[in-house]
Amino acid sequence: MYSPIEAYDQGMLDVGDHNQVYWEVSGNPAGKPAVIVHGGPGGEPSANWRRFHDPEAYRIVLFHQRGCGRSTPNAGLPETDLSVNTTWHLIADMELLRAHLGIEKWQVVGESWGSTLSLAYAQRHPERVSEVILLAVTAGRRKEIEWITRDVGRVFPQEWERFRDGVPEQDRDGNLAAAYARLLADPSTREKAARDWCDWEDTHVSLDPQYQPNPRFQDPVFRMTFARLVTHYWGNDCFLPEKGDLVEQAHLLKGIPGVLIHGRLDVSGPLETAWELHKSWPGSELVVCGEGHGGKDMVAEVVAATDRFR
């Protein structure tokens, strides 16, 4: 990665629905624009994410998706309206931010859930995208959500039973994300539900022996924000259509260079999605690393891709 840098500009963008989205820009003000789309839903980018790009060559944009990080209102607050927080709202937010910053076209870099959002954005606005670089590739499909909330329990049976038993018995055979979302909306159950959800997140994320638990889940504010947004999105199939999903529609990206970087040991997001996307996306490149849901080799591949496109 490149050396640490600070943002030279930042602000809050009014995106409507009483939401303000935090954004920042670093690197070269006259450089090639690139936007980094963080994971979650409900995560936020770290300062290290400014280091994916050569700061002499790129104008690097980071933003916190509505409801999380420094954006307001925070989704962890029980009074925050999540009905105006969907994939399509986030895509519209990205377009507002692009226009606000006076950018004609930008490189889109997405990680995990951010790769799903990046795909949805690029397919909706291909004329605004120069390249797409995806790390730990996901596409928000029902089978991916079922895998991560149910099927991967075959790998972690004891932990999964504890996760499943965190919801009422009548909900255990249904949509577990939606069941957790209901618990998180109830003041009497929300704190335990957030802990149970994030404990499962820390369990299934990787088979990489170098993986370390995510310290952010020890922060009760982050934990609640993350749990509420993930369950809101997954409980609603990421607000994406059942037919014509992002993998099936990848042909819309023909002519846009794409690099898909995935870990073979990523048990929470199996390589299958990246492989199927690669086959559906003419001209895309698939890079497979011997890591889990992120890692040093995968980061190095992101940097190599941004260097190639600068």
C-alpha atoms as a PDB file:
ATOM      1  CA  MET A   1       0.000   0.000   0.000  1.00  0.00           C
ATOM      2  CA  TYR A   2       1.042   3.606  -0.444  1.00  0.00           C
ATOM      3  CA  SER A   3       2.187   5.736   2.495  1.00  0.00           C
ATOM      4  CA  PRO A   4      -0.493   7.162   4.831  1.00  0.00           C
ATOM      5  CA  ILE A   5      -2.062  10.442   3.712  1.00  0.00           C
ATOM      6  CA  GLU A   6      -4.669  12.810   5.077  1.00  0.00           C
ATOM      7  CA  ALA A   7      -7.811  14.047   3.344  1.00  0.00           C
ATOM      8  CA  TYR A   8      -7.486  17.548   1.885  1.00  0.00           C
ATOM      9  CA  ASP A   9     -11.250  18.094   1.646  1.00  0.00           C
ATOM     10  CA  GLN A  10     -14.304  16.703   3.411  1.00  0.00           C
ATOM     11  CA  GLY A  11     -17.917  17.502   4.139  1.00  0.00           C
ATOM     12  CA  MET A  12     -21.488  16.380   4.677  1.00  0.00           C
ATOM     13  CA  LEU A  13     -23.792  16.028   1.660  1.00  0.00           C
ATOM     14  CA  ASP A  14     -27.554  16.408   2.049  1.00  0.00           C
ATOM     15  CA  VAL A  15     -28.958  13.451   0.101  1.00  0.00           C
ATOM     16  CA  GLY A  16     -32.581  13.939   1.108  1.00  0.00           C
ATOM     17  CA  ASP A  17     -34.851  11.980   3.469  1.00  0.00           C
ATOM     18  CA  HIS A  18     -33.225  13.917   6.349  1.00  0.00           C
ATOM     19  CA  ASN A  19     -29.940  12.085   5.642  1.00  0.00           C
ATOM     20  CA  GLN A  20     -26.452  13.587   5.518  1.00  0.00           C
ATOM     21  CA  VAL A  21     -23.625  11.548   3.962  1.00  0.00           C
ATOM     22  CA  TYR A  22     -20.024  12.090   5.045  1.00  0.00           C
ATOM     23  CA  TRP A  23     -17.407  12.278   2.273  1.00  0.00           C
ATOM     24  CA  GLU A  24     -13.708  13.049   1.986  1.00  0.00           C
ATOM     25  CA  VAL A  25     -11.144  13.458  -0.779  1.00  0.00           C
ATOM     26  CA  SER A  26      -7.389  12.795  -0.685  1.00  0.00           C
ATOM     27  CA  GLY A  27      -4.540  12.479  -3.165  1.00  0.00           C
ATOM     28  CA  ASN A  28      -4.096  14.727  -6.179  1.00  0.00           C
ATOM     29  CA  PRO A  29      -6.940  17.233  -6.781  1.00  0.00           C
ATOM     30  CA  ALA A  30      -6.180  17.023 -10.499  1.00  0.00           C
ATOM     31  CA  GLY A  31      -5.731  13.242 -10.515  1.00  0.00           C
ATOM     32  CA  LYS A  32      -7.863  10.468 -11.968  1.00  0.00           C
ATOM     33  CA  PRO A  33     -11.026  10.137  -9.831  1.00  0.00           C
ATOM     34  CA  ALA A  34     -11.599   6.932  -7.863  1.00  0.00           C
ATOM     35  CA  VAL A  35     -14.311   6.172  -5.308  1.00  0.00           C
ATOM     36  CA  ILE A  36     -14.003   3.483  -2.649  1.00  0.00           C
ATOM     37  CA  VAL A  37     -17.196   1.695  -1.577  1.00  0.00           C
ATOM     38  CA  HIS A  38     -16.984   0.145   1.884  1.00  0.00           C
ATOM     39  CA  GLY A  39     -18.453  -3.099   3.154  1.00  0.00           C
ATOM     40  CA  GLY A  40     -21.151  -3.996   5.624  1.00  0.00           C
ATOM     41  CA  PRO A  41     -23.850  -2.930   5.106  1.00  0.00           C
ATOM     42  CA  GLY A  42     -23.081  -0.763   8.095  1.00  0.00           C
ATOM     43  CA  GLY A  43     -19.290  -0.668   7.946  1.00  0.00           C
ATOM     44  CA  GLU A  44     -17.085   2.291   7.189  1.00  0.00           C
ATOM     45  CA  PRO A  45     -13.732   2.791   5.433  1.00  0.00           C
ATOM     46  CA  SER A  46     -10.572   3.132   7.487  1.00  0.00           C
ATOM     47  CA  ALA A  47      -7.870   5.709   6.776  1.00  0.00           C
ATOM     48  CA  ASN A  48      -5.813   2.860   5.277  1.00  0.00           C
ATOM     49  CA  TRP A  49      -8.215   2.723   2.355  1.00  0.00           C
ATOM     50  CA  ARG A  50      -6.703   5.965   1.091  1.00  0.00           C
ATOM     51  CA  ARG A  51      -3.569   3.894   0.494  1.00  0.00           C
ATOM     52  CA  PHE A  52      -4.927   1.688  -2.324  1.00  0.00           C
ATOM     53  CA  HIS A  53      -4.076   4.377  -4.882  1.00  0.00           C
ATOM     54  CA  ASP A  54      -1.015   6.353  -5.907  1.00  0.00           C
ATOM     55  CA  PRO A  55      -1.764   9.747  -4.327  1.00  0.00           C
ATOM     56  CA  GLU A  56       0.183  11.522  -7.072  1.00  0.00           C
ATOM     57  CA  ALA A  57      -1.992   9.969  -9.762  1.00  0.00           C
ATOM     58  CA  TYR A  58      -5.450   9.693  -8.209  1.00  0.00           C
ATOM     59  CA  ARG A  59      -8.132  11.887  -6.669  1.00  0.00           C
ATOM     60  CA  ILE A  60      -9.373   9.453  -4.011  1.00  0.00           C
ATOM     61  CA  VAL A  61     -12.960   9.714  -2.764  1.00  0.00           C
ATOM     62  CA  LEU A  62     -14.201   7.922   0.343  1.00  0.00           C
ATOM     63  CA  PHE A  63     -17.720   8.180   1.730  1.00  0.00           C
ATOM     64  CA  HIS A  64     -19.746   6.652   4.549  1.00  0.00           C
ATOM     65  CA  GLN A  65     -22.961   5.089   3.282  1.00  0.00           C
ATOM     66  CA  ARG A  66     -26.157   6.577   4.690  1.00  0.00           C
ATOM     67  CA  GLY A  67     -26.890   5.518   8.241  1.00  0.00           C
ATOM     68  CA  CYS A  68     -23.372   4.489   9.260  1.00  0.00           C
ATOM     69  CA  GLY A  69     -19.960   5.870  10.150  1.00  0.00           C
ATOM     70  CA  ARG A  70     -20.023   9.661  10.246  1.00  0.00           C
ATOM     71  CA  SER A  71     -23.195   9.890   8.172  1.00  0.00           C
ATOM     72  CA  THR A  72     -26.376  10.915   9.948  1.00  0.00           C
ATOM     73  CA  PRO A  73     -28.781   9.889  11.316  1.00  0.00           C
ATOM     74  CA  ASN A  74     -27.137   6.731  12.593  1.00  0.00           C
ATOM     75  CA  ALA A  75     -29.032   3.543  11.769  1.00  0.00           C
ATOM     76  CA  GLY A  76     -28.288   2.172  15.228  1.00  0.00           C
ATOM     77  CA  LEU A  77     -30.675   4.664  16.793  1.00  0.00           C
ATOM     78  CA  PRO A  78     -34.112   3.094  17.271  1.00  0.00           C
ATOM     79  CA  GLU A  79     -35.868   6.154  15.854  1.00  0.00           C
ATOM     80  CA  THR A  80     -33.918   6.146  12.562  1.00  0.00           C
ATOM     81  CA  ASP A  81     -36.155   5.368   9.577  1.00  0.00           C
ATOM     82  CA  LEU A  82     -34.621   2.500   7.621  1.00  0.00           C
ATOM     83  CA  SER A  83     -37.311   2.547   4.940  1.00  0.00           C
ATOM     84  CA  VAL A  84     -35.256   5.222   3.162  1.00  0.00           C
ATOM     85  CA  ASN A  85     -32.066   3.143   3.340  1.00  0.00           C
ATOM     86  CA  THR A  86     -31.961   0.741   0.392  1.00  0.00           C
ATOM     87  CA  THR A  87     -29.507  -0.177  -2.345  1.00  0.00           C
ATOM     88  CA  TRP A  88     -31.251   2.259  -4.684  1.00  0.00           C
ATOM     89  CA  HIS A  89     -30.982   5.097  -2.167  1.00  0.00           C
ATOM     90  CA  LEU A  90     -27.248   4.400  -1.871  1.00  0.00           C
ATOM     91  CA  ILE A  91     -26.807   4.401  -5.648  1.00  0.00           C
ATOM     92  CA  ALA A  92     -28.585   7.753  -5.818  1.00  0.00           C
ATOM     93  CA  ASP A  93     -26.322   9.040  -3.020  1.00  0.00           C
ATOM     94  CA  MET A  94     -23.240   8.052  -5.026  1.00  0.00           C
ATOM     95  CA  GLU A  95     -24.556   9.927  -8.060  1.00  0.00           C
ATOM     96  CA  LEU A  96     -25.266  13.024  -5.961  1.00  0.00           C
ATOM     97  CA  LEU A  97     -21.749  12.854  -4.539  1.00  0.00           C
ATOM     98  CA  ARG A  98     -20.171  12.431  -7.977  1.00  0.00           C
ATOM     99  CA  ALA A  99     -22.041  15.481  -9.261  1.00  0.00           C
ATOM    100  CA  HIS A 100     -21.283  17.457  -6.103  1.00  0.00           C
ATOM    101  CA  LEU A 101     -17.550  16.862  -6.593  1.00  0.00           C
ATOM    102  CA  GLY A 102     -17.713  17.719 -10.297  1.00  0.00           C
ATOM    103  CA  ILE A 103     -16.547  14.288 -11.430  1.00  0.00           C
ATOM    104  CA  GLU A 104     -17.519  13.096 -14.913  1.00  0.00           C
ATOM    105  CA  LYS A 105     -16.369   9.496 -14.532  1.00  0.00           C
ATOM    106  CA  TRP A 106     -14.632   7.582 -11.745  1.00  0.00           C
ATOM    107  CA  GLN A 107     -13.003   4.269 -10.987  1.00  0.00           C
ATOM    108  CA  VAL A 108     -15.139   2.257  -8.568  1.00  0.00           C
ATOM    109  CA  VAL A 109     -13.431   0.070  -5.939  1.00  0.00           C
ATOM    110  CA  GLY A 110     -15.686  -2.050  -3.726  1.00  0.00           C
ATOM    111  CA  GLU A 111     -15.056  -4.513  -0.915  1.00  0.00           C
ATOM    112  CA  SER A 112     -17.448  -7.274   0.270  1.00  0.00           C
ATOM    113  CA  TRP A 113     -20.937  -5.682   0.451  1.00  0.00           C
ATOM    114  CA  GLY A 114     -19.253  -2.740  -1.264  1.00  0.00           C
ATOM    115  CA  SER A 115     -18.678  -4.979  -4.278  1.00  0.00           C
ATOM    116  CA  THR A 116     -22.428  -5.645  -4.475  1.00  0.00           C
ATOM    117  CA  LEU A 117     -23.180  -1.932  -4.282  1.00  0.00           C
ATOM    118  CA  SER A 118     -20.427  -1.184  -6.814  1.00  0.00           C
ATOM    119  CA  LEU A 119     -21.905  -3.695  -9.274  1.00  0.00           C
ATOM    120  CA  ALA A 120     -25.392  -2.260  -8.841  1.00  0.00           C
ATOM    121  CA  TYR A 121     -24.086   1.282  -9.318  1.00  0.00           C
ATOM    122  CA  ALA A 122     -22.004   0.403 -12.380  1.00  0.00           C
ATOM    123  CA  GLN A 123     -24.899  -1.433 -14.028  1.00  0.00           C
ATOM    124  CA  ARG A 124     -27.220   1.511 -13.393  1.00  0.00           C
ATOM    125  CA  HIS A 125     -24.667   4.165 -14.475  1.00  0.00           C
ATOM    126  CA  PRO A 126     -22.078   2.496 -16.747  1.00  0.00           C
ATOM    127  CA  GLU A 127     -21.318   5.798 -18.475  1.00  0.00           C
ATOM    128  CA  ARG A 128     -19.963   7.127 -15.147  1.00  0.00           C
ATOM    129  CA  VAL A 129     -17.502   4.275 -14.542  1.00  0.00           C
ATOM    130  CA  SER A 130     -13.967   4.004 -15.929  1.00  0.00           C
ATOM    131  CA  GLU A 131     -13.026   0.688 -14.258  1.00  0.00           C
ATOM    132  CA  VAL A 132     -14.323  -1.572 -11.484  1.00  0.00           C
ATOM    133  CA  ILE A 133     -12.094  -3.296  -8.929  1.00  0.00           C
ATOM    134  CA  LEU A 134     -13.821  -5.679  -6.518  1.00  0.00           C
ATOM    135  CA  LEU A 135     -12.309  -7.257  -3.406  1.00  0.00           C
ATOM    136  CA  ALA A 136     -14.030 -10.203  -1.621  1.00  0.00           C
ATOM    137  CA  VAL A 137     -16.745 -10.354  -4.261  1.00  0.00           C
ATOM    138  CA  THR A 138     -20.435 -10.605  -3.344  1.00  0.00           C
ATOM    139  CA  ALA A 139     -23.579  -9.985  -5.392  1.00  0.00           C
ATOM    140  CA  GLY A 140     -26.389  -9.898  -2.812  1.00  0.00           C
ATOM    141  CA  ARG A 141     -28.245 -12.924  -4.185  1.00  0.00           C
ATOM    142  CA  ARG A 142     -30.700 -14.931  -2.075  1.00  0.00           C
ATOM    143  CA  LYS A 143     -28.491 -18.024  -2.278  1.00  0.00           C
ATOM    144  CA  GLU A 144     -25.544 -16.019  -0.918  1.00  0.00           C
ATOM    145  CA  ILE A 145     -27.640 -14.733   1.990  1.00  0.00           C
ATOM    146  CA  GLU A 146     -28.953 -18.236   2.712  1.00  0.00           C
ATOM    147  CA  TRP A 147     -25.403 -19.544   2.646  1.00  0.00           C
ATOM    148  CA  ILE A 148     -24.067 -16.966   5.080  1.00  0.00           C
ATOM    149  CA  THR A 149     -27.006 -17.211   7.504  1.00  0.00           C
ATOM    150  CA  ARG A 150     -27.746 -20.917   7.289  1.00  0.00           C
ATOM    151  CA  ASP A 151     -25.734 -23.246   5.033  1.00  0.00           C
ATOM    152  CA  VAL A 152     -22.268 -22.300   6.303  1.00  0.00           C
ATOM    153  CA  GLY A 153     -23.465 -23.649   9.642  1.00  0.00           C
ATOM    154  CA  ARG A 154     -22.326 -27.028   8.324  1.00  0.00           C
ATOM    155  CA  VAL A 155     -18.783 -25.725   8.777  1.00  0.00           C
ATOM    156  CA  PHE A 156     -19.460 -24.132  12.190  1.00  0.00           C
ATOM    157  CA  PRO A 157     -22.334 -26.238  13.610  1.00  0.00           C
ATOM    158  CA  GLN A 158     -22.040 -25.307  17.288  1.00  0.00           C
ATOM    159  CA  GLU A 159     -21.738 -21.573  16.595  1.00  0.00           C
ATOM    160  CA  TRP A 160     -24.552 -21.665  14.051  1.00  0.00           C
ATOM    161  CA  GLU A 161     -26.961 -23.361  16.451  1.00  0.00           C
ATOM    162  CA  ARG A 162     -26.245 -20.628  18.973  1.00  0.00           C
ATOM    163  CA  PHE A 163     -26.889 -18.033  16.262  1.00  0.00           C
ATOM    164  CA  ARG A 164     -30.122 -19.714  15.135  1.00  0.00           C
ATOM    165  CA  ASP A 165     -31.352 -20.106  18.699  1.00  0.00           C
ATOM    166  CA  GLY A 166     -30.996 -16.350  19.180  1.00  0.00           C
ATOM    167  CA  VAL A 167     -34.355 -15.888  17.432  1.00  0.00           C
ATOM    168  CA  PRO A 168     -37.786 -17.142  18.621  1.00  0.00           C
ATOM    169  CA  GLU A 169     -38.455 -20.792  17.864  1.00  0.00           C
ATOM    170  CA  GLN A 170     -41.210 -20.009  15.371  1.00  0.00           C
ATOM    171  CA  ASP A 171     -38.732 -17.993  13.260  1.00  0.00           C
ATOM    172  CA  ARG A 172     -35.878 -20.501  13.119  1.00  0.00           C
ATOM    173  CA  ASP A 173     -36.874 -22.134   9.846  1.00  0.00           C
ATOM    174  CA  GLY A 174     -37.495 -18.859   8.040  1.00  0.00           C
ATOM    175  CA  ASN A 175     -35.561 -15.756   7.062  1.00  0.00           C
ATOM    176  CA  LEU A 176     -33.049 -15.483   9.907  1.00  0.00           C
ATOM    177  CA  ALA A 177     -31.844 -12.016   8.909  1.00  0.00           C
ATOM    178  CA  ALA A 178     -35.403 -10.688   8.964  1.00  0.00           C
ATOM    179  CA  ALA A 179     -36.005 -12.365  12.335  1.00  0.00           C
ATOM    180  CA  TYR A 180     -32.932 -10.649  13.768  1.00  0.00           C
ATOM    181  CA  ALA A 181     -34.072  -7.339  12.265  1.00  0.00           C
ATOM    182  CA  ARG A 182     -37.307  -7.622  14.235  1.00  0.00           C
ATOM    183  CA  LEU A 183     -35.374  -8.321  17.452  1.00  0.00           C
ATOM    184  CA  LEU A 184     -33.137  -5.320  16.776  1.00  0.00           C
ATOM    185  CA  ALA A 185     -36.198  -3.088  16.477  1.00  0.00           C
ATOM    186  CA  ASP A 186     -37.425  -4.123  19.949  1.00  0.00           C
ATOM    187  CA  PRO A 187     -35.872  -2.192  22.875  1.00  0.00           C
ATOM    188  CA  SER A 188     -36.091  -5.261  25.110  1.00  0.00           C
ATOM    189  CA  THR A 189     -34.142  -7.567  22.767  1.00  0.00           C
ATOM    190  CA  ARG A 190     -31.971  -5.319  20.593  1.00  0.00           C
ATOM    191  CA  GLU A 191     -28.721  -5.396  22.621  1.00  0.00           C
ATOM    192  CA  LYS A 192     -28.561  -9.186  22.863  1.00  0.00           C
ATOM    193  CA  ALA A 193     -29.572  -9.552  19.219  1.00  0.00           C
ATOM    194  CA  ALA A 194     -26.745  -7.238  18.130  1.00  0.00           C
ATOM    195  CA  ARG A 195     -24.201  -9.246  20.134  1.00  0.00           C
ATOM    196  CA  ASP A 196     -25.509 -12.573  18.817  1.00  0.00           C
ATOM    197  CA  TRP A 197     -25.477 -11.340  15.223  1.00  0.00           C
ATOM    198  CA  CYS A 198     -21.944  -9.932  15.415  1.00  0.00           C
ATOM    199  CA  ASP A 199     -20.645 -13.061  17.175  1.00  0.00           C
ATOM    200  CA  TRP A 200     -21.826 -15.023  14.138  1.00  0.00           C
ATOM    201  CA  GLU A 201     -20.245 -12.473  11.781  1.00  0.00           C
ATOM    202  CA  ASP A 202     -16.914 -13.013  13.521  1.00  0.00           C
ATOM    203  CA  THR A 203     -17.285 -16.784  13.252  1.00  0.00           C
ATOM    204  CA  HIS A 204     -18.064 -17.359   9.590  1.00  0.00           C
ATOM    205  CA  VAL A 205     -15.957 -14.667   7.939  1.00  0.00           C
ATOM    206  CA  SER A 206     -12.869 -16.747   7.211  1.00  0.00           C
ATOM    207  CA  LEU A 207     -11.070 -20.087   7.322  1.00  0.00           C
ATOM    208  CA  ASP A 208      -7.753 -18.258   7.063  1.00  0.00           C
ATOM    209  CA  PRO A 209      -5.634 -19.296  10.096  1.00  0.00           C
ATOM    210  CA  GLN A 210      -4.258 -15.733  10.221  1.00  0.00           C
ATOM    211  CA  TYR A 211      -7.709 -14.203  10.714  1.00  0.00           C
ATOM    212  CA  GLN A 212      -8.259 -12.168  13.876  1.00  0.00           C
ATOM    213  CA  PRO A 213     -11.663 -11.219  15.379  1.00  0.00           C
ATOM    214  CA  ASN A 214     -12.916  -7.785  14.383  1.00  0.00           C
ATOM    215  CA  PRO A 215     -12.316  -5.378  17.299  1.00  0.00           C
ATOM    216  CA  ARG A 216     -15.047  -3.045  16.014  1.00  0.00           C
ATOM    217  CA  PHE A 217     -17.666  -5.501  17.252  1.00  0.00           C
ATOM    218  CA  GLN A 218     -16.616  -4.701  20.819  1.00  0.00           C
ATOM    219  CA  ASP A 219     -17.936  -1.160  20.326  1.00  0.00           C
ATOM    220  CA  PRO A 220     -21.659  -1.235  21.231  1.00  0.00           C
ATOM    221  CA  VAL A 221     -22.464   1.702  18.931  1.00  0.00           C
ATOM    222  CA  PHE A 222     -20.768   0.165  15.897  1.00  0.00           C
ATOM    223  CA  ARG A 223     -22.189  -3.259  16.750  1.00  0.00           C
ATOM    224  CA  MET A 224     -25.767  -1.959  16.784  1.00  0.00           C
ATOM    225  CA  THR A 225     -25.366   0.105  13.609  1.00  0.00           C
ATOM    226  CA  PHE A 226     -23.788  -2.791  11.759  1.00  0.00           C
ATOM    227  CA  ALA A 227     -26.326  -5.377  12.929  1.00  0.00           C
ATOM    228  CA  ARG A 228     -29.348  -3.193  12.134  1.00  0.00           C
ATOM    229  CA  LEU A 229     -28.168  -2.391   8.613  1.00  0.00           C
ATOM    230  CA  VAL A 230     -26.962  -5.881   7.688  1.00  0.00           C
ATOM    231  CA  THR A 231     -30.187  -7.512   8.838  1.00  0.00           C
ATOM    232  CA  HIS A 232     -32.255  -4.791   7.153  1.00  0.00           C
ATOM    233  CA  TYR A 233     -30.523  -5.426   3.826  1.00  0.00           C
ATOM    234  CA  TRP A 234     -30.205  -9.193   4.003  1.00  0.00           C
ATOM    235  CA  GLY A 235     -33.723  -9.584   5.358  1.00  0.00           C
ATOM    236  CA  ASN A 236     -34.909  -7.829   2.183  1.00  0.00           C
ATOM    237  CA  ASP A 237     -32.581  -9.608  -0.284  1.00  0.00           C
ATOM    238  CA  CYS A 238     -30.519  -6.417  -0.539  1.00  0.00           C
ATOM    239  CA  PHE A 239     -33.509  -4.798  -2.290  1.00  0.00           C
ATOM    240  CA  LEU A 240     -32.380  -6.407  -5.549  1.00  0.00           C
ATOM    241  CA  PRO A 241     -34.650  -8.160  -8.075  1.00  0.00           C
ATOM    242  CA  GLU A 242     -34.970 -11.929  -7.813  1.00  0.00           C
ATOM    243  CA  LYS A 243     -34.682 -12.267 -11.594  1.00  0.00           C
ATOM    244  CA  GLY A 244     -32.027 -10.494 -13.586  1.00  0.00           C
ATOM    245  CA  ASP A 245     -29.624 -10.338 -10.641  1.00  0.00           C
ATOM    246  CA  LEU A 246     -26.265  -8.559 -10.690  1.00  0.00           C
ATOM    247  CA  VAL A 247     -24.429 -11.630 -11.973  1.00  0.00           C
ATOM    248  CA  GLU A 248     -26.925 -12.257 -14.771  1.00  0.00           C
ATOM    249  CA  GLN A 249     -26.816  -8.578 -15.730  1.00  0.00           C
ATOM    250  CA  ALA A 250     -23.006  -8.348 -15.773  1.00  0.00           C
ATOM    251  CA  HIS A 251     -23.107  -8.172 -19.572  1.00  0.00           C
ATOM    252  CA  LEU A 252     -24.170  -4.549 -19.056  1.00  0.00           C
ATOM    253  CA  LEU A 253     -20.568  -3.910 -17.991  1.00  0.00           C
ATOM    254  CA  LYS A 254     -19.109  -5.011 -21.321  1.00  0.00           C
ATOM    255  CA  GLY A 255     -16.351  -2.601 -22.267  1.00  0.00           C
ATOM    256  CA  ILE A 256     -15.659  -1.573 -18.658  1.00  0.00           C
ATOM    257  CA  PRO A 257     -12.440  -3.159 -17.373  1.00  0.00           C
ATOM    258  CA  GLY A 258     -13.047  -5.200 -14.234  1.00  0.00           C
ATOM    259  CA  VAL A 259     -10.744  -6.954 -11.783  1.00  0.00           C
ATOM    260  CA  LEU A 260     -12.296  -9.439  -9.346  1.00  0.00           C
ATOM    261  CA  ILE A 261     -10.070 -10.348  -6.378  1.00  0.00           C
ATOM    262  CA  HIS A 262     -11.184 -13.164  -4.100  1.00  0.00           C
ATOM    263  CA  GLY A 263      -9.833 -15.458  -1.404  1.00  0.00           C
ATOM    264  CA  ARG A 264     -10.013 -19.208  -1.845  1.00  0.00           C
ATOM    265  CA  LEU A 265     -10.379 -19.557   1.950  1.00  0.00           C
ATOM    266  CA  ASP A 266     -13.309 -17.124   2.115  1.00  0.00           C
ATOM    267  CA  VAL A 267     -15.956 -19.421   3.572  1.00  0.00           C
ATOM    268  CA  SER A 268     -18.512 -16.656   4.202  1.00  0.00           C
ATOM    269  CA  GLY A 269     -18.430 -15.649   0.535  1.00  0.00           C
ATOM    270  CA  PRO A 270     -17.390 -18.704  -1.487  1.00  0.00           C
ATOM    271  CA  LEU A 271     -15.424 -18.230  -4.703  1.00  0.00           C
ATOM    272  CA  GLU A 272     -18.476 -19.344  -6.703  1.00  0.00           C
ATOM    273  CA  THR A 273     -19.893 -15.817  -6.948  1.00  0.00           C
ATOM    274  CA  ALA A 274     -16.659 -14.290  -8.250  1.00  0.00           C
ATOM    275  CA  TRP A 275     -16.307 -17.143 -10.743  1.00  0.00           C
ATOM    276  CA  GLU A 276     -19.873 -16.821 -12.032  1.00  0.00           C
ATOM    277  CA  LEU A 277     -19.535 -13.044 -12.279  1.00  0.00           C
ATOM    278  CA  HIS A 278     -16.267 -13.411 -14.187  1.00  0.00           C
ATOM    279  CA  LYS A 279     -17.931 -15.736 -16.701  1.00  0.00           C
ATOM    280  CA  SER A 280     -20.858 -13.351 -17.139  1.00  0.00           C
ATOM    281  CA  TRP A 281     -18.733 -10.196 -17.483  1.00  0.00           C
ATOM    282  CA  PRO A 282     -16.969  -9.992 -20.857  1.00  0.00           C
ATOM    283  CA  GLY A 283     -13.364  -8.910 -20.459  1.00  0.00           C
ATOM    284  CA  SER A 284     -13.214  -9.177 -16.669  1.00  0.00           C
ATOM    285  CA  GLU A 285     -10.188 -10.598 -14.867  1.00  0.00           C
ATOM    286  CA  LEU A 286     -10.385 -12.973 -11.869  1.00  0.00           C
ATOM    287  CA  VAL A 287      -7.538 -13.099  -9.343  1.00  0.00           C
ATOM    288  CA  VAL A 288      -7.695 -15.833  -6.670  1.00  0.00           C
ATOM    289  CA  CYS A 289      -5.545 -15.543  -3.538  1.00  0.00           C
ATOM    290  CA  GLY A 290      -4.912 -18.123  -0.810  1.00  0.00           C
ATOM    291  CA  GLU A 291      -6.615 -15.982   1.843  1.00  0.00           C
ATOM    292  CA  GLY A 292     -10.022 -15.468   3.413  1.00  0.00           C
ATOM    293  CA  HIS A 293     -12.353 -12.456   3.372  1.00  0.00           C
ATOM    294  CA  GLY A 294      -9.458 -10.078   2.753  1.00  0.00           C
ATOM    295  CA  GLY A 295      -5.719 -10.247   3.399  1.00  0.00           C
ATOM    296  CA  LYS A 296      -2.354  -8.761   2.492  1.00  0.00           C
ATOM    297  CA  ASP A 297      -2.093 -10.562  -0.827  1.00  0.00           C
ATOM    298  CA  MET A 298      -5.557  -9.408  -1.838  1.00  0.00           C
ATOM    299  CA  VAL A 299      -4.736  -5.822  -0.890  1.00  0.00           C
ATOM    300  CA  ALA A 300      -1.554  -6.058  -2.956  1.00  0.00           C
ATOM    301  CA  GLU A 301      -3.656  -7.149  -5.935  1.00  0.00           C
ATOM    302  CA  VAL A 302      -5.928  -4.112  -5.464  1.00  0.00           C
ATOM    303  CA  VAL A 303      -2.904  -1.818  -5.476  1.00  0.00           C
ATOM    304  CA  ALA A 304      -1.503  -3.573  -8.555  1.00  0.00           C
ATOM    305  CA  ALA A 305      -4.825  -3.022 -10.339  1.00  0.00           C
ATOM    306  CA  THR A 306      -5.047   0.674  -9.421  1.00  0.00           C
ATOM    307  CA  ASP A 307      -1.445   1.111 -10.572  1.00  0.00           C
ATOM    308  CA  ARG A 308      -2.253  -0.506 -13.893  1.00  0.00           C
ATOM    309  CA  PHE A 309      -5.272   1.760 -14.474  1.00  0.00           C
ATOM    310  CA  ARG A 310      -3.698   5.051 -13.360  1.00  0.00           C
END
